[in-house]
Amino acid sequence: QLGVCALSAILMWMVRITPASLFGLQAPTKQSPPKTTSSDLVKTMPVGFCSAGAHACTVFSLGGDPLFCQIVKSGEPVLSAI
């Protein structure tokens, strides 16, 4: 799923067409690729680490007690809110 979405996004940036306007039944418009700087990447690092940590906890909990897995899964929205 991640690979298909990433490939779709890269294709849209290469063609420079945004399909979002199609939802309003309008012709697609030209769009330039996003410009990211190193400070943008640094700002997103904490979110990436928290997301990776939540995913790792979920995967590790699957190998243990099923009740513990439910506890970890129910705690994911808390990590997302932080």
Protein backbone atom coordinates (compact mmCIF):
# COMPACT_ATOMS: atom_id res chain seq x y z
CA GLN A 1 0.00 0.00 0.00
CA LEU A 2 2.80 2.39 0.89
CA GLY A 3 4.70 1.49 -2.27
CA VAL A 4 1.69 2.03 -4.52
CA CYS A 5 0.91 5.40 -2.96
CA ALA A 6 4.55 6.50 -3.12
CA LEU A 7 4.78 5.45 -6.76
CA SER A 8 1.55 7.30 -7.51
CA ALA A 9 2.83 10.47 -5.83
CA ILE A 10 6.16 10.32 -7.66
CA LEU A 11 4.36 9.80 -10.96
CA MET A 12 2.07 12.77 -10.32
CA TRP A 13 5.07 14.97 -9.48
CA MET A 14 6.91 13.84 -12.60
CA VAL A 15 3.89 14.58 -14.79
CA ARG A 16 3.19 17.70 -12.69
CA ILE A 17 -0.54 17.13 -12.60
CA THR A 18 -2.58 17.20 -9.42
CA PRO A 19 -5.62 14.92 -9.42
CA ALA A 20 -7.23 16.72 -6.46
CA SER A 21 -9.18 19.02 -8.75
CA LEU A 22 -10.79 15.97 -10.37
CA PHE A 23 -12.88 15.50 -7.22
CA GLY A 24 -14.59 18.80 -7.97
CA LEU A 25 -15.18 17.64 -11.56
CA GLN A 26 -12.68 20.15 -12.92
CA ALA A 27 -9.77 19.62 -15.28
CA PRO A 28 -6.48 18.70 -13.58
CA THR A 29 -4.09 21.57 -12.99
CA LYS A 30 -0.31 21.82 -13.20
CA GLN A 31 1.57 21.60 -9.94
CA SER A 32 5.27 21.86 -9.21
CA PRO A 33 6.96 19.37 -6.88
CA PRO A 34 7.19 20.39 -3.22
CA LYS A 35 10.33 22.21 -2.15
CA THR A 36 11.76 20.78 1.06
CA THR A 37 14.69 22.12 2.98
CA SER A 38 16.85 20.48 5.59
CA SER A 39 15.01 22.39 8.32
CA ASP A 40 11.73 20.87 7.08
CA LEU A 41 13.22 17.40 7.41
CA VAL A 42 14.55 18.15 10.90
CA LYS A 43 11.10 19.37 11.99
CA THR A 44 9.47 16.10 10.89
CA MET A 45 12.00 13.82 12.62
CA PRO A 46 10.22 13.70 16.02
CA VAL A 47 6.94 12.74 14.35
CA GLY A 48 8.70 10.04 12.35
CA PHE A 49 10.40 8.60 15.43
CA CYS A 50 7.14 8.54 17.42
CA SER A 51 5.32 6.86 14.55
CA ALA A 52 8.09 4.30 14.15
CA GLY A 53 8.07 3.66 17.90
CA ALA A 54 4.32 3.09 17.95
CA HIS A 55 4.59 0.72 15.00
CA ALA A 56 7.50 -1.16 16.60
CA CYS A 57 5.56 -1.57 19.88
CA THR A 58 2.61 -2.98 17.96
CA VAL A 59 4.78 -5.45 16.08
CA PHE A 60 6.62 -6.56 19.22
CA SER A 61 3.39 -6.99 21.15
CA LEU A 62 2.06 -9.42 18.54
CA GLY A 63 4.69 -11.95 19.65
CA GLY A 64 3.55 -11.94 23.26
CA ASP A 65 0.33 -12.18 25.20
CA PRO A 66 -2.79 -11.28 23.16
CA LEU A 67 -4.08 -9.08 25.98
CA PHE A 68 -0.87 -7.05 25.92
CA CYS A 69 -1.33 -6.58 22.18
CA GLN A 70 -4.78 -5.09 22.80
CA ILE A 71 -3.33 -2.70 25.38
CA VAL A 72 -0.64 -1.52 22.97
CA LYS A 73 -3.12 -1.12 20.11
CA SER A 74 -5.47 0.91 22.29
CA GLY A 75 -2.60 3.23 23.25
CA GLU A 76 -1.75 4.17 19.65
CA PRO A 77 -4.19 7.10 19.48
CA VAL A 78 -2.50 8.57 22.54
CA LEU A 79 0.87 8.52 20.79
CA SER A 80 -0.72 10.04 17.70
CA ALA A 81 -2.24 12.84 19.74
CA ILE A 82 1.07 13.69 21.39
